[in-house]
PDB file of N, CA and C in Angstrom:
ATOM      1  N   UNK A   1      27.257  12.001 -11.600  1.00  0.00           N
ATOM      2  CA  UNK A   1      25.913  12.758 -12.480  1.00  0.00           C
ATOM      3  C   UNK A   1      25.755  12.329 -13.382  1.00  0.00           C
ATOM      4  N   UNK A   2      24.027  12.758 -13.366  1.00  0.00           N
ATOM      5  CA  UNK A   2      23.285  12.432 -14.249  1.00  0.00           C
ATOM      6  C   UNK A   2      23.304  13.452 -15.562  1.00  0.00           C
ATOM      7  N   UNK A   3      23.938  12.725 -16.847  1.00  0.00           N
ATOM      8  CA  UNK A   3      23.412  13.958 -17.997  1.00  0.00           C
ATOM      9  C   UNK A   3      22.650  14.380 -18.851  1.00  0.00           C
ATOM     10  N   UNK A   4      21.576  13.760 -17.912  1.00  0.00           N
ATOM     11  CA  UNK A   4      20.031  14.204 -18.686  1.00  0.00           C
ATOM     12  C   UNK A   4      19.806  14.991 -17.779  1.00  0.00           C
ATOM     13  N   UNK A   5      20.124  15.443 -16.458  1.00  0.00           N
ATOM     14  CA  UNK A   5      19.460  16.284 -15.687  1.00  0.00           C
ATOM     15  C   UNK A   5      19.912  17.789 -16.276  1.00  0.00           C
ATOM     16  N   UNK A   6      20.617  17.461 -16.752  1.00  0.00           N
ATOM     17  CA  UNK A   6      21.482  18.852 -17.718  1.00  0.00           C
ATOM     18  C   UNK A   6      22.121  19.009 -19.160  1.00  0.00           C
ATOM     19  N   UNK A   7      20.984  18.551 -19.640  1.00  0.00           N
ATOM     20  CA  UNK A   7      21.682  18.642 -20.716  1.00  0.00           C
ATOM     21  C   UNK A   7      22.607  19.455 -21.574  1.00  0.00           C
ATOM     22  N   UNK A   8      22.650  20.879 -21.227  1.00  0.00           N
ATOM     23  CA  UNK A   8      22.945  21.880 -21.825  1.00  0.00           C
ATOM     24  C   UNK A   8      24.916  21.628 -21.023  1.00  0.00           C
ATOM     25  N   UNK A   9      25.013  20.794 -20.363  1.00  0.00           N
ATOM     26  CA  UNK A   9      26.398  20.456 -19.990  1.00  0.00           C
ATOM     27  C   UNK A   9      27.111  19.544 -20.526  1.00  0.00           C
ATOM     28  N   UNK A  10      28.089  20.075 -20.360  1.00  0.00           N
ATOM     29  CA  UNK A  10      29.244  19.442 -21.111  1.00  0.00           C
ATOM     30  C   UNK A  10      29.658  17.956 -20.020  1.00  0.00           C
ATOM     31  N   UNK A  11      30.005  16.486 -20.128  1.00  0.00           N
ATOM     32  CA  UNK A  11      29.617  15.392 -19.393  1.00  0.00           C
ATOM     33  C   UNK A  11      31.319  15.271 -19.210  1.00  0.00           C
ATOM     34  N   UNK A  12      32.339  15.052 -17.790  1.00  0.00           N
ATOM     35  CA  UNK A  12      33.568  15.194 -17.704  1.00  0.00           C
ATOM     36  C   UNK A  12      33.394  14.289 -16.845  1.00  0.00           C
ATOM     37  N   UNK A  13      34.952  14.013 -16.960  1.00  0.00           N
ATOM     38  CA  UNK A  13      35.360  12.861 -15.773  1.00  0.00           C
ATOM     39  C   UNK A  13      36.294  14.070 -14.465  1.00  0.00           C
ATOM     40  N   UNK A  14      36.415  15.295 -14.944  1.00  0.00           N
ATOM     41  CA  UNK A  14      37.224  15.863 -13.923  1.00  0.00           C
ATOM     42  C   UNK A  14      36.934  17.450 -14.322  1.00  0.00           C
ATOM     43  N   UNK A  15      37.321  17.610 -12.845  1.00  0.00           N
ATOM     44  CA  UNK A  15      36.195  19.063 -12.169  1.00  0.00           C
ATOM     45  C   UNK A  15      37.231  19.581 -11.720  1.00  0.00           C
ATOM     46  N   UNK A  16      37.724  20.689 -11.684  1.00  0.00           N
ATOM     47  CA  UNK A  16      38.459  21.443 -11.059  1.00  0.00           C
ATOM     48  C   UNK A  16      37.921  22.839 -10.623  1.00  0.00           C
ATOM     49  N   UNK A  17      37.953  22.780  -9.384  1.00  0.00           N
ATOM     50  CA  UNK A  17      37.585  24.490  -8.559  1.00  0.00           C
ATOM     51  C   UNK A  17      38.479  25.189  -8.229  1.00  0.00           C
ATOM     52  N   UNK A  18      38.379  26.804  -8.742  1.00  0.00           N
ATOM     53  CA  UNK A  18      38.663  27.309  -8.089  1.00  0.00           C
ATOM     54  C   UNK A  18      39.004  28.313  -7.096  1.00  0.00           C
ATOM     55  N   UNK A  19      38.232  28.943  -6.259  1.00  0.00           N
ATOM     56  CA  UNK A  19      38.060  29.922  -5.615  1.00  0.00           C
ATOM     57  C   UNK A  19      39.084  31.435  -5.005  1.00  0.00           C
ATOM     58  N   UNK A  20      38.168  31.926  -5.547  1.00  0.00           N
ATOM     59  CA  UNK A  20      38.528  33.455  -5.432  1.00  0.00           C
ATOM     60  C   UNK A  20      37.758  34.370  -4.862  1.00  0.00           C
ATOM     61  N   UNK A  21      38.506  36.026  -4.301  1.00  0.00           N
ATOM     62  CA  UNK A  21      38.115  35.911  -3.332  1.00  0.00           C
ATOM     63  C   UNK A  21      37.237  37.284  -3.350  1.00  0.00           C
ATOM     64  N   UNK A  22      37.004  37.559  -5.108  1.00  0.00           N
ATOM     65  CA  UNK A  22      35.873  37.504  -4.805  1.00  0.00           C
ATOM     66  C   UNK A  22      35.441  37.485  -6.787  1.00  0.00           C
ATOM     67  N   UNK A  23      33.927  37.786  -7.639  1.00  0.00           N
ATOM     68  CA  UNK A  23      33.828  37.618  -8.489  1.00  0.00           C
ATOM     69  C   UNK A  23      34.430  38.305  -9.226  1.00  0.00           C
ATOM     70  N   UNK A  24      34.417  39.988  -9.015  1.00  0.00           N
ATOM     71  CA  UNK A  24      35.886  40.430 -10.191  1.00  0.00           C
ATOM     72  C   UNK A  24      36.404  40.204 -10.326  1.00  0.00           C
ATOM     73  N   UNK A  25      37.578  39.552  -9.139  1.00  0.00           N
ATOM     74  CA  UNK A  25      38.359  38.868  -9.305  1.00  0.00           C
ATOM     75  C   UNK A  25      39.272  38.098 -10.438  1.00  0.00           C
ATOM     76  N   UNK A  26      37.521  36.857 -10.401  1.00  0.00           N
ATOM     77  CA  UNK A  26      37.128  35.606 -10.877  1.00  0.00           C
ATOM     78  C   UNK A  26      37.036  35.892 -12.471  1.00  0.00           C
ATOM     79  N   UNK A  27      36.677  37.351 -12.856  1.00  0.00           N
ATOM     80  CA  UNK A  27      36.534  37.598 -13.933  1.00  0.00           C
ATOM     81  C   UNK A  27      37.716  38.286 -14.722  1.00  0.00           C
ATOM     82  N   UNK A  28      38.834  39.242 -14.122  1.00  0.00           N
ATOM     83  CA  UNK A  28      39.933  39.519 -14.212  1.00  0.00           C
ATOM     84  C   UNK A  28      40.641  38.770 -14.323  1.00  0.00           C
ATOM     85  N   UNK A  29      40.734  37.319 -13.952  1.00  0.00           N
ATOM     86  CA  UNK A  29      41.439  36.363 -13.946  1.00  0.00           C
ATOM     87  C   UNK A  29      40.969  35.677 -15.464  1.00  0.00           C
ATOM     88  N   UNK A  30      40.194  35.356 -15.948  1.00  0.00           N
ATOM     89  CA  UNK A  30      39.577  35.444 -17.438  1.00  0.00           C
ATOM     90  C   UNK A  30      40.269  36.168 -18.778  1.00  0.00           C
ATOM     91  N   UNK A  31      40.335  37.063 -17.685  1.00  0.00           N
ATOM     92  CA  UNK A  31      40.925  37.727 -18.975  1.00  0.00           C
ATOM     93  C   UNK A  31      42.581  38.621 -18.865  1.00  0.00           C
ATOM     94  N   UNK A  32      42.677  37.984 -18.356  1.00  0.00           N
ATOM     95  CA  UNK A  32      44.455  38.357 -18.037  1.00  0.00           C
ATOM     96  C   UNK A  32      45.204  37.641 -19.039  1.00  0.00           C
ATOM     97  N   UNK A  33      46.069  38.545 -19.609  1.00  0.00           N
ATOM     98  CA  UNK A  33      47.578  37.865 -20.952  1.00  0.00           C
ATOM     99  C   UNK A  33      47.814  36.566 -20.356  1.00  0.00           C
ATOM    100  N   UNK A  34      48.619  36.789 -19.563  1.00  0.00           N
ATOM    101  CA  UNK A  34      48.762  35.373 -18.944  1.00  0.00           C
ATOM    102  C   UNK A  34      48.398  34.176 -19.328  1.00  0.00           C
ATOM    103  N   UNK A  35      46.798  34.702 -18.133  1.00  0.00           N
ATOM    104  CA  UNK A  35      46.331  33.395 -18.435  1.00  0.00           C
ATOM    105  C   UNK A  35      45.190  32.962 -20.206  1.00  0.00           C
ATOM    106  N   UNK A  36      45.127  33.927 -20.267  1.00  0.00           N
ATOM    107  CA  UNK A  36      45.079  33.805 -22.520  1.00  0.00           C
ATOM    108  C   UNK A  36      46.008  33.285 -22.821  1.00  0.00           C
ATOM    109  N   UNK A  37      47.098  33.219 -22.784  1.00  0.00           N
ATOM    110  CA  UNK A  37      47.968  33.004 -23.521  1.00  0.00           C
ATOM    111  C   UNK A  37      48.306  31.287 -22.843  1.00  0.00           C
ATOM    112  N   UNK A  38      47.782  30.834 -21.540  1.00  0.00           N
ATOM    113  CA  UNK A  38      47.825  29.501 -21.143  1.00  0.00           C
ATOM    114  C   UNK A  38      46.941  28.742 -22.294  1.00  0.00           C
ATOM    115  N   UNK A  39      45.845  29.519 -21.785  1.00  0.00           N
ATOM    116  CA  UNK A  39      44.441  29.156 -22.481  1.00  0.00           C
ATOM    117  C   UNK A  39      44.154  28.469 -23.606  1.00  0.00           C
ATOM    118  N   UNK A  40      44.685  29.733 -24.509  1.00  0.00           N
ATOM    119  CA  UNK A  40      45.256  29.350 -26.102  1.00  0.00           C
ATOM    120  C   UNK A  40      46.409  27.345 -26.415  1.00  0.00           C
ATOM    121  N   UNK A  41      47.122  27.084 -25.460  1.00  0.00           N
ATOM    122  CA  UNK A  41      47.225  26.410 -25.585  1.00  0.00           C
ATOM    123  C   UNK A  41      46.842  25.011 -25.045  1.00  0.00           C
ATOM    124  N   UNK A  42      46.453  25.309 -23.604  1.00  0.00           N
ATOM    125  CA  UNK A  42      45.152  24.532 -23.140  1.00  0.00           C
ATOM    126  C   UNK A  42      43.397  23.573 -23.962  1.00  0.00           C
ATOM    127  N   UNK A  43      43.258  24.493 -25.177  1.00  0.00           N
ATOM    128  CA  UNK A  43      41.902  24.932 -25.566  1.00  0.00           C
ATOM    129  C   UNK A  43      42.696  24.045 -26.964  1.00  0.00           C
ATOM    130  N   UNK A  44      44.635  23.517 -27.292  1.00  0.00           N
ATOM    131  CA  UNK A  44      44.479  22.946 -28.159  1.00  0.00           C
ATOM    132  C   UNK A  44      44.744  20.831 -27.422  1.00  0.00           C
ATOM    133  N   UNK A  45      44.876  20.828 -26.552  1.00  0.00           N
ATOM    134  CA  UNK A  45      44.792  19.732 -25.681  1.00  0.00           C
ATOM    135  C   UNK A  45      43.282  18.171 -25.022  1.00  0.00           C
ATOM    136  N   UNK A  46      42.689  20.257 -24.934  1.00  0.00           N
ATOM    137  CA  UNK A  46      41.148  19.263 -24.006  1.00  0.00           C
ATOM    138  C   UNK A  46      40.444  20.532 -24.151  1.00  0.00           C
ATOM    139  N   UNK A  47      38.714  19.536 -24.570  1.00  0.00           N
ATOM    140  CA  UNK A  47      37.687  20.442 -24.064  1.00  0.00           C
ATOM    141  C   UNK A  47      37.215  20.727 -22.967  1.00  0.00           C
ATOM    142  N   UNK A  48      37.324  22.294 -22.950  1.00  0.00           N
ATOM    143  CA  UNK A  48      36.596  23.021 -21.096  1.00  0.00           C
ATOM    144  C   UNK A  48      35.766  23.806 -21.413  1.00  0.00           C
ATOM    145  N   UNK A  49      35.163  23.811 -19.870  1.00  0.00           N
ATOM    146  CA  UNK A  49      33.974  24.440 -19.965  1.00  0.00           C
ATOM    147  C   UNK A  49      34.095  25.755 -18.693  1.00  0.00           C
ATOM    148  N   UNK A  50      34.098  27.061 -18.632  1.00  0.00           N
ATOM    149  CA  UNK A  50      34.493  27.354 -17.039  1.00  0.00           C
ATOM    150  C   UNK A  50      33.191  28.051 -16.849  1.00  0.00           C
ATOM    151  N   UNK A  51      33.179  28.412 -15.990  1.00  0.00           N
ATOM    152  CA  UNK A  51      32.305  28.746 -15.578  1.00  0.00           C
ATOM    153  C   UNK A  51      32.151  29.393 -13.977  1.00  0.00           C
ATOM    154  N   UNK A  52      31.708  31.312 -13.679  1.00  0.00           N
ATOM    155  CA  UNK A  52      32.454  31.637 -12.970  1.00  0.00           C
ATOM    156  C   UNK A  52      30.383  32.074 -11.727  1.00  0.00           C
ATOM    157  N   UNK A  53      30.767  31.303 -10.796  1.00  0.00           N
ATOM    158  CA  UNK A  53      29.513  31.259  -9.902  1.00  0.00           C
ATOM    159  C   UNK A  53      29.855  32.281  -9.084  1.00  0.00           C
ATOM    160  N   UNK A  54      28.970  33.465  -8.260  1.00  0.00           N
ATOM    161  CA  UNK A  54      29.151  33.952  -7.147  1.00  0.00           C
ATOM    162  C   UNK A  54      27.879  33.660  -6.231  1.00  0.00           C
ATOM    163  N   UNK A  55      29.281  33.971  -5.324  1.00  0.00           N
ATOM    164  CA  UNK A  55      28.260  32.896  -3.476  1.00  0.00           C
ATOM    165  C   UNK A  55      28.525  32.137  -2.854  1.00  0.00           C
ATOM    166  N   UNK A  56      28.631  32.288  -1.817  1.00  0.00           N
ATOM    167  CA  UNK A  56      29.015  31.065  -0.715  1.00  0.00           C
ATOM    168  C   UNK A  56      28.459  29.881  -0.702  1.00  0.00           C
ATOM    169  N   UNK A  57      30.040  28.853  -1.679  1.00  0.00           N
ATOM    170  CA  UNK A  57      29.744  27.890  -2.104  1.00  0.00           C
ATOM    171  C   UNK A  57      29.403  26.133  -1.172  1.00  0.00           C
ATOM    172  N   UNK A  58      29.718  26.986   0.857  1.00  0.00           N
ATOM    173  CA  UNK A  58      29.905  26.231   1.530  1.00  0.00           C
ATOM    174  C   UNK A  58      28.849  26.313   2.185  1.00  0.00           C
TER     175      UNK A  58
END
């Protein structure tokens, strides 16, 4: 990806895509207490950007 195309985006060598059955479920996962604990540890190890996209990606 050309980083100049989206200057506000982070450049990364890794991308992880997780599919949820609904937009609401994805948002709920992000505020789940168990996930919050994992996030707090993950933020110490690396920079990350989470984007929730609604719609059919196929």
